[in-house]
Amino acid sequence: MRPYQIFSDSSCDLPKNLVEKYQIKIIPFYVSFDQETYYKENLDISKESFFETLLTKKIYAKTSLPTVQDYINMFKPALKDGNDIICLCLTQKFSGSYRSALNAKHILEEQYPDSNISIIDSIQATGGQGILLLQMAAMKEAGLSIEEVTEKTNQLKTTARIMFTVNTLEYLSKGRRIGKVAALAKDMLNLKPLIQLKEAELIPYSNIRGRKKSLDKVFEMVKEYFRESGENPADYDFCIANATTIDDAHYLEKRMEEFLNRKLSYPIFQIGVTIGTYTGPGALGICFVKKFFK
């Protein structure tokens, strides 16, 4: 079995220590505040600086996807070293990143005809994509081939969910990502939208008044999922994805740990530039996916 390297675009928001632990290569998105100067996520601009700019300057950002050449530049050294490639990308519904990676694959396959390059649409984003990526890393550690990882990832990705809330729908609306969630857009003071990301669709859940109540409702959405699906939470990995409200994130983390009767396996994921552009400051959610079992 040939060795292979795991890649992902930066929308996975995987904490740096986990990126390093599992030796995952990240291809960054770009962000701009003036549509002239673009910064590479995590390289030219930190997540903290990004949100600070949104909050202090009261402006909206615009993202740009990794180019075909960006993917070629990242993939080529791995191929030269004799590695195959498996890459997880942000859902096609939100971005053309997957298409860029696919085009890079087709170009590189002509140069490296003996190599296997697998590109996967995560049908997820942020922590949902991130913990799916960690299942791929677990499969690799368990000795699965790139073909087996591709097959099992495509099965597991359909189990991934994010139950989340945002402070306002303005950012989703400005970024034209609002879709069915437009049903929640009501001009009411202190009303917090509740949304589910399921199989690349943003699904409106409800509105609720007040931040604290919205956090409790996000938690209840998770419990409701397992109650209605009949799935066992013990078979799932969870993480908290947070934009700017770390105390709220710890509150949800504590509630989840009480519900699961165990510590969460991963640190809190910091929502990054790619997703934060569309959710804005204050976004917070619970992400989960079924675990890989050999």
Protein backbone atom coordinates (compact mmCIF):
# COMPACT_ATOMS: atom_id res chain seq x y z
CA MET A 1 0.00 0.00 0.00
CA ARG A 2 1.38 3.39 -1.03
CA PRO A 3 1.69 6.09 1.65
CA TYR A 4 -0.73 9.01 1.42
CA GLN A 5 -1.01 12.56 2.74
CA ILE A 6 -4.22 14.08 4.14
CA PHE A 7 -5.12 17.61 3.04
CA SER A 8 -8.02 19.97 3.77
CA ASP A 9 -8.95 23.50 2.88
CA SER A 10 -8.87 25.92 5.81
CA SER A 11 -12.65 25.95 6.30
CA CYS A 12 -12.22 22.89 8.56
CA ASP A 13 -11.07 25.23 11.39
CA LEU A 14 -9.02 22.40 12.90
CA PRO A 15 -7.05 23.60 15.96
CA LYS A 16 -3.34 23.99 15.25
CA ASN A 17 -2.26 21.32 17.73
CA LEU A 18 -4.44 18.73 15.96
CA VAL A 19 -3.19 19.81 12.52
CA GLU A 20 0.35 19.21 13.77
CA LYS A 21 -0.45 16.01 15.65
CA TYR A 22 -1.94 14.31 12.59
CA GLN A 23 0.38 16.04 10.09
CA ILE A 24 -2.51 17.36 8.02
CA LYS A 25 -1.73 19.89 5.27
CA ILE A 26 -4.06 22.91 5.10
CA ILE A 27 -4.78 24.95 1.94
CA PRO A 28 -5.92 28.43 2.97
CA PHE A 29 -8.86 30.49 1.78
CA TYR A 30 -8.41 34.22 1.21
CA VAL A 31 -10.28 37.11 2.81
CA SER A 32 -10.56 40.80 1.96
CA PHE A 33 -12.15 43.80 3.66
CA ASP A 34 -11.92 46.08 0.60
CA GLN A 35 -12.07 43.55 -2.28
CA GLU A 36 -8.61 44.67 -3.35
CA THR A 37 -6.17 43.27 -0.78
CA TYR A 38 -6.61 39.59 0.03
CA TYR A 39 -5.07 37.76 2.99
CA LYS A 40 -4.43 34.04 3.34
CA GLU A 41 -6.34 32.59 6.28
CA ASN A 42 -4.08 31.71 9.26
CA LEU A 43 -0.98 32.85 7.37
CA ASP A 44 -1.49 36.55 6.55
CA ILE A 45 -4.27 37.16 9.08
CA SER A 46 -5.16 35.42 12.33
CA LYS A 47 -8.68 34.46 13.28
CA GLU A 48 -8.54 36.86 16.22
CA SER A 49 -7.48 39.79 14.02
CA PHE A 50 -10.21 38.97 11.54
CA PHE A 51 -13.03 39.11 14.09
CA GLU A 52 -11.53 42.17 15.78
CA THR A 53 -11.68 43.97 12.42
CA LEU A 54 -15.31 42.96 11.89
CA LEU A 55 -16.25 44.16 15.37
CA THR A 56 -14.29 47.41 15.52
CA LYS A 57 -14.69 48.63 11.96
CA LYS A 58 -18.27 47.42 11.48
CA ILE A 59 -17.53 46.17 7.97
CA TYR A 60 -18.24 43.02 5.99
CA ALA A 61 -15.55 40.78 4.57
CA LYS A 62 -15.41 38.82 1.35
CA THR A 63 -13.71 35.46 0.92
CA SER A 64 -11.97 33.99 -2.10
CA LEU A 65 -11.40 30.28 -2.59
CA PRO A 66 -8.04 28.55 -3.01
CA THR A 67 -7.10 28.56 -6.69
CA VAL A 68 -6.30 25.52 -8.80
CA GLN A 69 -2.65 26.63 -8.66
CA ASP A 70 -2.82 26.82 -4.84
CA TYR A 71 -3.85 23.17 -4.76
CA ILE A 72 -1.21 22.17 -7.31
CA ASN A 73 1.49 23.95 -5.28
CA MET A 74 0.43 22.09 -2.12
CA PHE A 75 -0.15 18.69 -3.71
CA LYS A 76 2.98 18.52 -5.87
CA PRO A 77 5.63 18.11 -3.11
CA ALA A 78 3.66 15.21 -1.62
CA LEU A 79 3.41 13.53 -5.03
CA LYS A 80 7.12 14.07 -5.68
CA ASP A 81 7.84 12.31 -2.38
CA GLY A 82 5.85 9.29 -3.55
CA ASN A 83 2.67 9.95 -1.58
CA ASP A 84 -0.88 9.59 -2.77
CA ILE A 85 -3.29 12.38 -1.76
CA ILE A 86 -6.67 12.55 -0.07
CA CYS A 87 -8.23 16.00 0.37
CA LEU A 88 -11.39 17.08 2.21
CA CYS A 89 -13.08 20.29 1.03
CA LEU A 90 -15.79 22.68 2.14
CA THR A 91 -19.23 21.76 0.79
CA GLN A 92 -19.75 22.72 -2.86
CA LYS A 93 -22.96 24.48 -1.83
CA PHE A 94 -20.85 27.18 -0.12
CA SER A 95 -17.72 27.39 -2.26
CA GLY A 96 -15.87 26.33 -5.39
CA SER A 97 -12.92 25.04 -3.35
CA TYR A 98 -13.84 21.42 -4.13
CA ARG A 99 -13.93 22.22 -7.84
CA SER A 100 -10.48 23.87 -7.64
CA ALA A 101 -9.07 20.77 -5.94
CA LEU A 102 -10.72 18.52 -8.54
CA ASN A 103 -9.22 20.53 -11.40
CA ALA A 104 -5.80 20.33 -9.74
CA LYS A 105 -6.25 16.55 -9.47
CA HIS A 106 -6.95 16.23 -13.20
CA ILE A 107 -3.87 18.30 -14.11
CA LEU A 108 -1.55 16.44 -11.73
CA GLU A 109 -2.80 13.00 -12.75
CA GLU A 110 -1.34 13.65 -16.20
CA GLN A 111 2.06 14.44 -14.64
CA TYR A 112 1.87 11.64 -12.04
CA PRO A 113 -0.17 8.88 -13.75
CA ASP A 114 0.68 6.28 -11.11
CA SER A 115 -0.59 8.41 -8.23
CA ASN A 116 -4.00 8.25 -6.57
CA ILE A 117 -5.57 11.63 -5.78
CA SER A 118 -8.90 11.51 -3.93
CA ILE A 119 -10.97 14.71 -3.50
CA ILE A 120 -13.96 14.59 -1.13
CA ASP A 121 -16.80 17.08 -0.73
CA SER A 122 -17.34 17.14 3.04
CA ILE A 123 -20.93 18.46 2.66
CA GLN A 124 -19.99 20.27 5.87
CA ALA A 125 -18.08 23.29 7.19
CA THR A 126 -16.04 24.47 10.20
CA GLY A 127 -16.13 21.97 13.11
CA GLY A 128 -18.35 19.54 11.19
CA GLN A 129 -15.71 19.33 8.48
CA GLY A 130 -12.95 19.33 11.11
CA ILE A 131 -14.14 16.33 13.09
CA LEU A 132 -14.81 14.44 9.85
CA LEU A 133 -11.19 15.17 8.98
CA LEU A 134 -10.16 13.68 12.32
CA GLN A 135 -12.03 10.48 11.48
CA MET A 136 -9.92 10.31 8.32
CA ALA A 137 -6.78 10.70 10.42
CA ALA A 138 -7.97 7.88 12.70
CA MET A 139 -8.54 5.65 9.68
CA LYS A 140 -5.05 6.36 8.42
CA GLU A 141 -3.57 5.51 11.83
CA ALA A 142 -5.57 2.26 11.80
CA GLY A 143 -3.86 1.29 8.55
CA LEU A 144 -6.72 1.76 6.08
CA SER A 145 -5.86 2.34 2.43
CA ILE A 146 -6.70 5.59 0.66
CA GLU A 147 -9.54 3.79 -1.16
CA GLU A 148 -10.99 2.57 2.15
CA VAL A 149 -10.68 6.02 3.74
CA THR A 150 -12.45 7.61 0.78
CA GLU A 151 -15.31 5.10 0.95
CA LYS A 152 -15.79 5.33 4.72
CA THR A 153 -15.52 9.14 4.75
CA ASN A 154 -18.25 9.40 2.15
CA GLN A 155 -20.42 7.21 4.40
CA LEU A 156 -19.64 9.05 7.64
CA LYS A 157 -20.09 12.56 6.22
CA THR A 158 -23.85 12.03 5.93
CA THR A 159 -24.01 11.64 9.73
CA ALA A 160 -22.34 15.01 10.41
CA ARG A 161 -24.42 17.87 11.81
CA ILE A 162 -23.92 21.35 13.23
CA MET A 163 -26.58 22.82 15.50
CA PHE A 164 -25.79 26.51 15.90
CA THR A 165 -26.92 30.04 16.55
CA VAL A 166 -25.79 33.40 15.21
CA ASN A 167 -26.27 36.85 16.65
CA THR A 168 -27.73 38.16 13.40
CA LEU A 169 -28.57 36.94 9.90
CA GLU A 170 -26.91 40.01 8.37
CA TYR A 171 -23.66 38.22 7.53
CA LEU A 172 -25.37 35.22 5.92
CA SER A 173 -27.54 37.63 3.97
CA LYS A 174 -24.62 39.81 2.80
CA GLY A 175 -22.72 36.70 1.76
CA ARG A 176 -25.77 35.35 -0.11
CA ARG A 177 -25.67 32.14 1.91
CA ILE A 178 -28.99 32.60 3.64
CA GLY A 179 -31.08 30.18 1.53
CA LYS A 180 -33.95 28.59 3.45
CA VAL A 181 -32.84 30.42 6.59
CA ALA A 182 -34.52 33.54 5.19
CA ALA A 183 -37.64 32.20 6.89
CA LEU A 184 -36.07 33.19 10.21
CA ALA A 185 -35.34 36.78 9.18
CA LYS A 186 -37.70 38.83 11.30
CA ASP A 187 -37.04 42.33 12.53
CA MET A 188 -37.47 41.67 16.24
CA LEU A 189 -35.26 42.95 19.03
CA ASN A 190 -32.78 40.46 20.47
CA LEU A 191 -34.12 37.54 18.44
CA LYS A 192 -31.50 34.81 17.89
CA PRO A 193 -31.82 32.45 14.88
CA LEU A 194 -31.27 28.72 15.39
CA ILE A 195 -29.96 26.77 12.39
CA GLN A 196 -28.86 23.25 11.49
CA LEU A 197 -26.22 22.41 8.87
CA LYS A 198 -27.16 19.04 7.42
CA GLU A 199 -25.79 17.52 4.21
CA ALA A 200 -24.75 20.91 2.77
CA GLU A 201 -28.08 22.57 3.61
CA LEU A 202 -28.68 25.36 6.12
CA ILE A 203 -31.97 24.35 7.68
CA PRO A 204 -33.92 26.88 9.76
CA TYR A 205 -35.01 25.63 13.16
CA SER A 206 -36.56 28.57 14.99
CA ASN A 207 -35.97 31.97 16.53
CA ILE A 208 -35.64 32.56 20.25
CA ARG A 209 -35.30 35.72 22.29
CA GLY A 210 -32.02 36.23 24.18
CA ARG A 211 -28.53 34.81 23.95
CA LYS A 212 -28.71 32.50 26.97
CA LYS A 213 -31.93 30.91 25.74
CA SER A 214 -30.42 30.42 22.30
CA LEU A 215 -27.49 28.48 23.79
CA ASP A 216 -29.83 26.24 25.76
CA LYS A 217 -31.88 25.66 22.61
CA VAL A 218 -28.79 24.66 20.59
CA PHE A 219 -28.10 22.03 23.25
CA GLU A 220 -31.72 20.88 23.13
CA MET A 221 -31.47 20.57 19.33
CA VAL A 222 -28.66 18.06 19.80
CA LYS A 223 -30.62 16.05 22.37
CA GLU A 224 -33.65 16.12 20.09
CA TYR A 225 -31.60 14.75 17.20
CA PHE A 226 -30.50 11.70 19.16
CA ARG A 227 -33.92 11.19 20.68
CA GLU A 228 -35.65 11.24 17.29
CA SER A 229 -32.98 9.37 15.31
CA GLY A 230 -32.48 6.62 17.88
CA GLU A 231 -28.73 6.95 17.41
CA ASN A 232 -26.40 6.43 20.38
CA PRO A 233 -24.39 9.57 21.30
CA ALA A 234 -21.58 7.26 22.49
CA ASP A 235 -20.97 6.38 18.82
CA TYR A 236 -20.31 10.03 17.92
CA ASP A 237 -17.51 12.57 18.23
CA PHE A 238 -18.45 16.11 19.26
CA CYS A 239 -16.84 19.52 19.31
CA ILE A 240 -17.85 23.09 20.06
CA ALA A 241 -17.23 25.69 17.31
CA ASN A 242 -16.98 29.26 18.54
CA ALA A 243 -16.42 32.66 16.91
CA THR A 244 -15.98 35.28 19.64
CA THR A 245 -17.77 34.19 22.81
CA ILE A 246 -15.49 31.76 24.62
CA ASP A 247 -17.44 31.85 27.91
CA ASP A 248 -20.58 30.80 26.04
CA ALA A 249 -18.56 28.06 24.33
CA HIS A 250 -17.41 26.70 27.70
CA TYR A 251 -21.02 26.77 28.88
CA LEU A 252 -22.11 24.58 25.96
CA GLU A 253 -19.07 22.36 26.42
CA LYS A 254 -20.02 21.75 30.06
CA ARG A 255 -23.64 20.95 29.15
CA MET A 256 -22.53 18.49 26.48
CA GLU A 257 -20.09 16.76 28.84
CA GLU A 258 -22.87 16.34 31.41
CA PHE A 259 -25.18 14.94 28.73
CA LEU A 260 -22.53 12.51 27.41
CA ASN A 261 -21.09 11.71 30.85
CA ARG A 262 -17.60 12.14 29.42
CA LYS A 263 -15.15 14.86 28.47
CA LEU A 264 -15.20 16.08 24.89
CA SER A 265 -12.26 14.67 22.98
CA TYR A 266 -11.20 17.92 21.33
CA PRO A 267 -10.51 21.52 22.31
CA ILE A 268 -12.98 24.23 21.29
CA PHE A 269 -12.67 24.94 17.56
CA GLN A 270 -12.12 28.61 16.71
CA ILE A 271 -14.35 29.50 13.76
CA GLY A 272 -12.11 31.02 11.13
CA VAL A 273 -12.17 33.50 8.30
CA THR A 274 -13.91 31.28 5.74
CA ILE A 275 -17.00 30.55 7.82
CA GLY A 276 -16.83 33.62 10.10
CA THR A 277 -17.33 35.88 7.09
CA TYR A 278 -20.83 34.42 6.73
CA THR A 279 -21.78 33.79 10.35
CA GLY A 280 -20.25 36.93 11.86
CA PRO A 281 -19.13 37.45 15.47
CA GLY A 282 -21.11 35.55 18.09
CA ALA A 283 -21.65 32.38 16.07
CA LEU A 284 -21.57 29.29 18.25
CA GLY A 285 -22.50 25.69 17.64
CA ILE A 286 -22.22 22.02 18.51
CA CYS A 287 -20.76 19.80 15.78
CA PHE A 288 -20.87 16.02 15.67
CA VAL A 289 -20.18 13.07 13.39
CA LYS A 290 -20.33 9.32 13.78
CA LYS A 291 -16.98 7.86 14.83
CA PHE A 292 -14.89 5.64 12.64
CA PHE A 293 -14.89 2.07 13.89
CA LYS A 294 -12.57 -0.40 12.23
